[in-house]
């Protein structure tokens, strides 16, 4: 969850699974913002019901975190 003023200041370049890491990196790059973790209720899928992600999704997320945190 984000405040509207914060989201308006961020230019999002990703259009795939890298959106979340991009937002995370850009939020942490801004020293004036604070990040709070809030508990949620979550009932995950079983392995049989689970969603399969394409290979390399995790690596793309890591690359996006590094890219948007240190390079842009």
PDB file of N, CA and C in Angstrom:
ATOM      1  N   UNK A   1       0.847  -1.143   0.000  1.00  0.00           N
ATOM      2  CA  UNK A   1       0.000   0.000   0.000  1.00  0.00           C
ATOM      3  C   UNK A   1       0.909   1.227   0.000  1.00  0.00           C
ATOM      4  N   UNK A   2       0.580   2.191  -0.817  1.00  0.00           N
ATOM      5  CA  UNK A   2       1.377   3.407  -0.924  1.00  0.00           C
ATOM      6  C   UNK A   2       0.484   4.630  -0.800  1.00  0.00           C
ATOM      7  N   UNK A   3       1.052   5.700  -0.310  1.00  0.00           N
ATOM      8  CA  UNK A   3       0.354   6.979  -0.350  1.00  0.00           C
ATOM      9  C   UNK A   3       0.372   7.480  -1.794  1.00  0.00           C
ATOM     10  N   UNK A   4      -0.690   8.120  -2.200  1.00  0.00           N
ATOM     11  CA  UNK A   4      -0.829   8.602  -3.574  1.00  0.00           C
ATOM     12  C   UNK A   4       0.302   9.565  -3.944  1.00  0.00           C
ATOM     13  N   UNK A   5       0.704  10.421  -3.020  1.00  0.00           N
ATOM     14  CA  UNK A   5       1.768  11.388  -3.308  1.00  0.00           C
ATOM     15  C   UNK A   5       3.080  10.682  -3.660  1.00  0.00           C
ATOM     16  N   UNK A   6       3.322   9.547  -3.031  1.00  0.00           N
ATOM     17  CA  UNK A   6       4.556   8.793  -3.284  1.00  0.00           C
ATOM     18  C   UNK A   6       4.516   8.168  -4.672  1.00  0.00           C
ATOM     19  N   UNK A   7       3.401   7.548  -5.016  1.00  0.00           N
ATOM     20  CA  UNK A   7       3.283   6.876  -6.318  1.00  0.00           C
ATOM     21  C   UNK A   7       3.369   7.881  -7.464  1.00  0.00           C
ATOM     22  N   UNK A   8       2.830   9.051  -7.284  1.00  0.00           N
ATOM     23  CA  UNK A   8       2.880  10.068  -8.337  1.00  0.00           C
ATOM     24  C   UNK A   8       4.312  10.493  -8.655  1.00  0.00           C
ATOM     25  N   UNK A   9       5.222  10.358  -7.702  1.00  0.00           N
ATOM     26  CA  UNK A   9       6.607  10.778  -7.902  1.00  0.00           C
ATOM     27  C   UNK A   9       7.460   9.720  -8.597  1.00  0.00           C
ATOM     28  N   UNK A  10       6.951   8.509  -8.735  1.00  0.00           N
ATOM     29  CA  UNK A  10       7.746   7.406  -9.271  1.00  0.00           C
ATOM     30  C   UNK A  10       7.369   7.134 -10.723  1.00  0.00           C
ATOM     31  N   UNK A  11       8.379   7.065 -11.572  1.00  0.00           N
ATOM     32  CA  UNK A  11       8.183   6.673 -12.957  1.00  0.00           C
ATOM     33  C   UNK A  11       8.501   5.190 -13.064  1.00  0.00           C
ATOM     34  N   UNK A  12       7.509   4.397 -13.447  1.00  0.00           N
ATOM     35  CA  UNK A  12       7.680   2.951 -13.540  1.00  0.00           C
ATOM     36  C   UNK A  12       8.019   2.588 -14.978  1.00  0.00           C
ATOM     37  N   UNK A  13       9.115   1.864 -15.148  1.00  0.00           N
ATOM     38  CA  UNK A  13       9.569   1.468 -16.475  1.00  0.00           C
ATOM     39  C   UNK A  13       9.261   0.006 -16.798  1.00  0.00           C
ATOM     40  N   UNK A  14       9.123  -0.820 -15.783  1.00  0.00           N
ATOM     41  CA  UNK A  14       8.910  -2.261 -15.983  1.00  0.00           C
ATOM     42  C   UNK A  14       7.454  -2.550 -16.318  1.00  0.00           C
ATOM     43  N   UNK A  15       7.245  -3.639 -17.065  1.00  0.00           N
ATOM     44  CA  UNK A  15       5.881  -4.073 -17.359  1.00  0.00           C
ATOM     45  C   UNK A  15       5.749  -5.596 -17.220  1.00  0.00           C
ATOM     46  N   UNK A  16       6.568  -6.162 -16.333  1.00  0.00           N
ATOM     47  CA  UNK A  16       6.532  -7.603 -16.116  1.00  0.00           C
ATOM     48  C   UNK A  16       6.715  -7.863 -14.620  1.00  0.00           C
ATOM     49  N   UNK A  17       7.278  -9.000 -14.255  1.00  0.00           N
ATOM     50  CA  UNK A  17       7.476  -9.333 -12.846  1.00  0.00           C
ATOM     51  C   UNK A  17       8.471  -8.406 -12.149  1.00  0.00           C
ATOM     52  N   UNK A  18       9.147  -7.551 -12.881  1.00  0.00           N
ATOM     53  CA  UNK A  18      10.122  -6.636 -12.287  1.00  0.00           C
ATOM     54  C   UNK A  18       9.471  -5.382 -11.706  1.00  0.00           C
ATOM     55  N   UNK A  19       8.159  -5.231 -11.817  1.00  0.00           N
ATOM     56  CA  UNK A  19       7.476  -4.048 -11.302  1.00  0.00           C
ATOM     57  C   UNK A  19       7.658  -3.932  -9.791  1.00  0.00           C
ATOM     58  N   UNK A  20       7.431  -5.011  -9.061  1.00  0.00           N
ATOM     59  CA  UNK A  20       7.553  -4.959  -7.602  1.00  0.00           C
ATOM     60  C   UNK A  20       8.968  -4.632  -7.149  1.00  0.00           C
ATOM     61  N   UNK A  21      10.000  -5.295  -7.698  1.00  0.00           N
ATOM     62  CA  UNK A  21      11.367  -4.921  -7.301  1.00  0.00           C
ATOM     63  C   UNK A  21      11.714  -3.487  -7.693  1.00  0.00           C
ATOM     64  N   UNK A  22      11.204  -3.019  -8.825  1.00  0.00           N
ATOM     65  CA  UNK A  22      11.467  -1.635  -9.233  1.00  0.00           C
ATOM     66  C   UNK A  22      10.869  -0.665  -8.223  1.00  0.00           C
ATOM     67  N   UNK A  23       9.621  -0.875  -7.830  1.00  0.00           N
ATOM     68  CA  UNK A  23       8.995  -0.019  -6.829  1.00  0.00           C
ATOM     69  C   UNK A  23       9.759  -0.063  -5.509  1.00  0.00           C
ATOM     70  N   UNK A  24      10.123  -1.252  -5.079  1.00  0.00           N
ATOM     71  CA  UNK A  24      10.863  -1.410  -3.827  1.00  0.00           C
ATOM     72  C   UNK A  24      12.179  -0.641  -3.870  1.00  0.00           C
ATOM     73  N   UNK A  25      12.938  -0.803  -4.933  1.00  0.00           N
ATOM     74  CA  UNK A  25      14.231  -0.135  -5.049  1.00  0.00           C
ATOM     75  C   UNK A  25      14.077   1.380  -5.068  1.00  0.00           C
ATOM     76  N   UNK A  26      13.089   1.873  -5.799  1.00  0.00           N
ATOM     77  CA  UNK A  26      12.914   3.318  -5.897  1.00  0.00           C
ATOM     78  C   UNK A  26      12.398   3.921  -4.593  1.00  0.00           C
ATOM     79  N   UNK A  27      11.592   3.181  -3.858  1.00  0.00           N
ATOM     80  CA  UNK A  27      11.133   3.658  -2.552  1.00  0.00           C
ATOM     81  C   UNK A  27      12.316   3.745  -1.589  1.00  0.00           C
ATOM     82  N   UNK A  28      13.155   2.696  -1.558  1.00  0.00           N
ATOM     83  CA  UNK A  28      14.296   2.699  -0.643  1.00  0.00           C
ATOM     84  C   UNK A  28      15.373   3.699  -1.054  1.00  0.00           C
ATOM     85  N   UNK A  29      15.402   4.080  -2.309  1.00  0.00           N
ATOM     86  CA  UNK A  29      16.376   5.051  -2.777  1.00  0.00           C
ATOM     87  C   UNK A  29      16.064   6.447  -2.230  1.00  0.00           C
ATOM     88  N   UNK A  30      14.798   6.706  -1.997  1.00  0.00           N
ATOM     89  CA  UNK A  30      14.366   7.994  -1.468  1.00  0.00           C
ATOM     90  C   UNK A  30      14.517   7.970   0.050  1.00  0.00           C
ATOM     91  N   UNK A  31      15.458   8.713   0.569  1.00  0.00           N
ATOM     92  CA  UNK A  31      15.786   8.674   2.001  1.00  0.00           C
ATOM     93  C   UNK A  31      14.697   9.283   2.881  1.00  0.00           C
ATOM     94  N   UNK A  32      13.794  10.080   2.321  1.00  0.00           N
ATOM     95  CA  UNK A  32      12.765  10.728   3.124  1.00  0.00           C
ATOM     96  C   UNK A  32      11.587   9.798   3.423  1.00  0.00           C
ATOM     97  N   UNK A  33      11.484   8.693   2.735  1.00  0.00           N
ATOM     98  CA  UNK A  33      10.335   7.808   2.896  1.00  0.00           C
ATOM     99  C   UNK A  33      10.624   6.699   3.903  1.00  0.00           C
ATOM    100  N   UNK A  34       9.610   6.302   4.625  1.00  0.00           N
ATOM    101  CA  UNK A  34       9.724   5.182   5.556  1.00  0.00           C
ATOM    102  C   UNK A  34       8.892   4.027   5.044  1.00  0.00           C
ATOM    103  N   UNK A  35       9.395   2.845   5.269  1.00  0.00           N
ATOM    104  CA  UNK A  35       8.696   1.638   4.856  1.00  0.00           C
ATOM    105  C   UNK A  35       8.257   0.891   6.106  1.00  0.00           C
ATOM    106  N   UNK A  36       7.005   0.525   6.153  1.00  0.00           N
ATOM    107  CA  UNK A  36       6.459  -0.237   7.270  1.00  0.00           C
ATOM    108  C   UNK A  36       5.938  -1.562   6.746  1.00  0.00           C
ATOM    109  N   UNK A  37       6.176  -2.604   7.492  1.00  0.00           N
ATOM    110  CA  UNK A  37       5.620  -3.907   7.156  1.00  0.00           C
ATOM    111  C   UNK A  37       4.368  -4.121   7.985  1.00  0.00           C
ATOM    112  N   UNK A  38       3.306  -4.539   7.330  1.00  0.00           N
ATOM    113  CA  UNK A  38       2.047  -4.787   8.005  1.00  0.00           C
ATOM    114  C   UNK A  38       1.680  -6.254   7.857  1.00  0.00           C
ATOM    115  N   UNK A  39       1.182  -6.876   8.915  1.00  0.00           N
ATOM    116  CA  UNK A  39       0.781  -8.280   8.807  1.00  0.00           C
ATOM    117  C   UNK A  39      -0.474  -8.425   7.954  1.00  0.00           C
ATOM    118  N   UNK A  40      -0.548  -9.527   7.233  1.00  0.00           N
ATOM    119  CA  UNK A  40      -1.724  -9.830   6.435  1.00  0.00           C
ATOM    120  C   UNK A  40      -2.137 -11.271   6.698  1.00  0.00           C
ATOM    121  N   UNK A  41      -3.361 -11.593   6.356  1.00  0.00           N
ATOM    122  CA  UNK A  41      -3.814 -12.984   6.395  1.00  0.00           C
ATOM    123  C   UNK A  41      -3.674 -13.555   4.988  1.00  0.00           C
ATOM    124  N   UNK A  42      -3.100 -14.715   4.899  1.00  0.00           N
ATOM    125  CA  UNK A  42      -2.851 -15.293   3.583  1.00  0.00           C
ATOM    126  C   UNK A  42      -2.999 -16.802   3.659  1.00  0.00           C
ATOM    127  N   UNK A  43      -3.771 -17.341   2.783  1.00  0.00           N
ATOM    128  CA  UNK A  43      -3.935 -18.789   2.678  1.00  0.00           C
ATOM    129  C   UNK A  43      -3.415 -19.207   1.314  1.00  0.00           C
ATOM    130  N   UNK A  44      -2.189 -19.715   1.307  1.00  0.00           N
ATOM    131  CA  UNK A  44      -1.535 -20.059   0.055  1.00  0.00           C
ATOM    132  C   UNK A  44      -2.131 -21.272  -0.623  1.00  0.00           C
ATOM    133  N   UNK A  45      -1.822 -21.399  -1.877  1.00  0.00           N
ATOM    134  CA  UNK A  45      -2.260 -22.552  -2.666  1.00  0.00           C
ATOM    135  C   UNK A  45      -1.419 -23.767  -2.301  1.00  0.00           C
ATOM    136  N   UNK A  46      -1.991 -24.925  -2.520  1.00  0.00           N
ATOM    137  CA  UNK A  46      -1.204 -26.141  -2.382  1.00  0.00           C
ATOM    138  C   UNK A  46      -0.271 -26.241  -3.586  1.00  0.00           C
ATOM    139  N   UNK A  47       0.656 -27.151  -3.530  1.00  0.00           N
ATOM    140  CA  UNK A  47       1.573 -27.315  -4.655  1.00  0.00           C
ATOM    141  C   UNK A  47       0.808 -27.685  -5.924  1.00  0.00           C
ATOM    142  N   UNK A  48      -0.219 -28.520  -5.783  1.00  0.00           N
ATOM    143  CA  UNK A  48      -1.017 -28.934  -6.941  1.00  0.00           C
ATOM    144  C   UNK A  48      -1.798 -27.754  -7.539  1.00  0.00           C
ATOM    145  N   UNK A  49      -2.270 -26.855  -6.688  1.00  0.00           N
ATOM    146  CA  UNK A  49      -3.023 -25.696  -7.153  1.00  0.00           C
ATOM    147  C   UNK A  49      -2.109 -24.546  -7.578  1.00  0.00           C
ATOM    148  N   UNK A  50      -0.851 -24.650  -7.204  1.00  0.00           N
ATOM    149  CA  UNK A  50       0.079 -23.533  -7.335  1.00  0.00           C
ATOM    150  C   UNK A  50       0.284 -23.030  -8.739  1.00  0.00           C
ATOM    151  N   UNK A  51       0.732 -21.818  -8.789  1.00  0.00           N
ATOM    152  CA  UNK A  51       1.021 -21.152 -10.044  1.00  0.00           C
ATOM    153  C   UNK A  51       2.496 -21.357 -10.370  1.00  0.00           C
ATOM    154  N   UNK A  52       2.800 -21.656 -11.578  1.00  0.00           N
ATOM    155  CA  UNK A  52       4.194 -21.856 -12.006  1.00  0.00           C
ATOM    156  C   UNK A  52       4.679 -20.600 -12.718  1.00  0.00           C
ATOM    157  N   UNK A  53       5.831 -20.128 -12.312  1.00  0.00           N
ATOM    158  CA  UNK A  53       6.400 -18.950 -12.937  1.00  0.00           C
ATOM    159  C   UNK A  53       7.437 -19.381 -13.964  1.00  0.00           C
ATOM    160  N   UNK A  54       7.580 -18.600 -15.030  1.00  0.00           N
ATOM    161  CA  UNK A  54       8.575 -18.938 -16.053  1.00  0.00           C
ATOM    162  C   UNK A  54       9.983 -18.943 -15.468  1.00  0.00           C
ATOM    163  N   UNK A  55      10.841 -19.748 -16.023  1.00  0.00           N
ATOM    164  CA  UNK A  55      12.222 -19.811 -15.558  1.00  0.00           C
ATOM    165  C   UNK A  55      12.900 -18.459 -15.638  1.00  0.00           C
ATOM    166  N   UNK A  56      13.715 -18.145 -14.671  1.00  0.00           N
ATOM    167  CA  UNK A  56      14.458 -16.896 -14.668  1.00  0.00           C
ATOM    168  C   UNK A  56      13.723 -15.725 -14.028  1.00  0.00           C
ATOM    169  N   UNK A  57      12.493 -15.934 -13.575  1.00  0.00           N
ATOM    170  CA  UNK A  57      11.725 -14.843 -12.984  1.00  0.00           C
ATOM    171  C   UNK A  57      12.434 -14.273 -11.755  1.00  0.00           C
ATOM    172  N   UNK A  58      12.961 -15.120 -10.922  1.00  0.00           N
ATOM    173  CA  UNK A  58      13.673 -14.667  -9.729  1.00  0.00           C
ATOM    174  C   UNK A  58      14.921 -13.877 -10.070  1.00  0.00           C
ATOM    175  N   UNK A  59      15.646 -14.322 -11.079  1.00  0.00           N
ATOM    176  CA  UNK A  59      16.854 -13.607 -11.485  1.00  0.00           C
ATOM    177  C   UNK A  59      16.514 -12.237 -12.053  1.00  0.00           C
ATOM    178  N   UNK A  60      15.430 -12.163 -12.832  1.00  0.00           N
ATOM    179  CA  UNK A  60      15.021 -10.865 -13.381  1.00  0.00           C
ATOM    180  C   UNK A  60      14.646  -9.903 -12.263  1.00  0.00           C
ATOM    181  N   UNK A  61      14.026 -10.423 -11.221  1.00  0.00           N
ATOM    182  CA  UNK A  61      13.663  -9.579 -10.078  1.00  0.00           C
ATOM    183  C   UNK A  61      14.918  -9.059  -9.378  1.00  0.00           C
ATOM    184  N   UNK A  62      15.908  -9.919  -9.170  1.00  0.00           N
ATOM    185  CA  UNK A  62      17.162  -9.498  -8.527  1.00  0.00           C
ATOM    186  C   UNK A  62      17.888  -8.451  -9.365  1.00  0.00           C
ATOM    187  N   UNK A  63      17.933  -8.658 -10.654  1.00  0.00           N
ATOM    188  CA  UNK A  63      18.583  -7.695 -11.548  1.00  0.00           C
ATOM    189  C   UNK A  63      17.863  -6.353 -11.490  1.00  0.00           C
ATOM    190  N   UNK A  64      16.530  -6.380 -11.467  1.00  0.00           N
ATOM    191  CA  UNK A  64      15.755  -5.137 -11.388  1.00  0.00           C
ATOM    192  C   UNK A  64      16.036  -4.411 -10.083  1.00  0.00           C
ATOM    193  N   UNK A  65      16.123  -5.144  -8.958  1.00  0.00           N
ATOM    194  CA  UNK A  65      16.443  -4.504  -7.675  1.00  0.00           C
ATOM    195  C   UNK A  65      17.770  -3.769  -7.741  1.00  0.00           C
ATOM    196  N   UNK A  66      18.772  -4.418  -8.274  1.00  0.00           N
ATOM    197  CA  UNK A  66      20.099  -3.800  -8.378  1.00  0.00           C
ATOM    198  C   UNK A  66      20.081  -2.637  -9.347  1.00  0.00           C
ATOM    199  N   UNK A  67      19.475  -2.844 -10.492  1.00  0.00           N
ATOM    200  CA  UNK A  67      19.438  -1.816 -11.533  1.00  0.00           C
ATOM    201  C   UNK A  67      18.780  -0.537 -11.024  1.00  0.00           C
ATOM    202  N   UNK A  68      17.598  -0.648 -10.471  1.00  0.00           N
ATOM    203  CA  UNK A  68      16.860   0.560 -10.090  1.00  0.00           C
ATOM    204  C   UNK A  68      17.348   1.146  -8.769  1.00  0.00           C
ATOM    205  N   UNK A  69      18.027   0.373  -7.961  1.00  0.00           N
ATOM    206  CA  UNK A  69      18.549   0.899  -6.695  1.00  0.00           C
ATOM    207  C   UNK A  69      19.842   1.689  -6.900  1.00  0.00           C
ATOM    208  N   UNK A  70      20.710   1.190  -7.765  1.00  0.00           N
ATOM    209  CA  UNK A  70      22.028   1.791  -7.885  1.00  0.00           C
ATOM    210  C   UNK A  70      22.305   2.498  -9.206  1.00  0.00           C
ATOM    211  N   UNK A  71      21.551   2.221 -10.245  1.00  0.00           N
ATOM    212  CA  UNK A  71      21.889   2.761 -11.558  1.00  0.00           C
ATOM    213  C   UNK A  71      20.970   3.874 -12.032  1.00  0.00           C
ATOM    214  N   UNK A  72      19.741   3.904 -11.601  1.00  0.00           N
ATOM    215  CA  UNK A  72      18.813   4.939 -12.100  1.00  0.00           C
ATOM    216  C   UNK A  72      18.466   5.912 -11.020  1.00  0.00           C
TER     217      UNK A  72
END
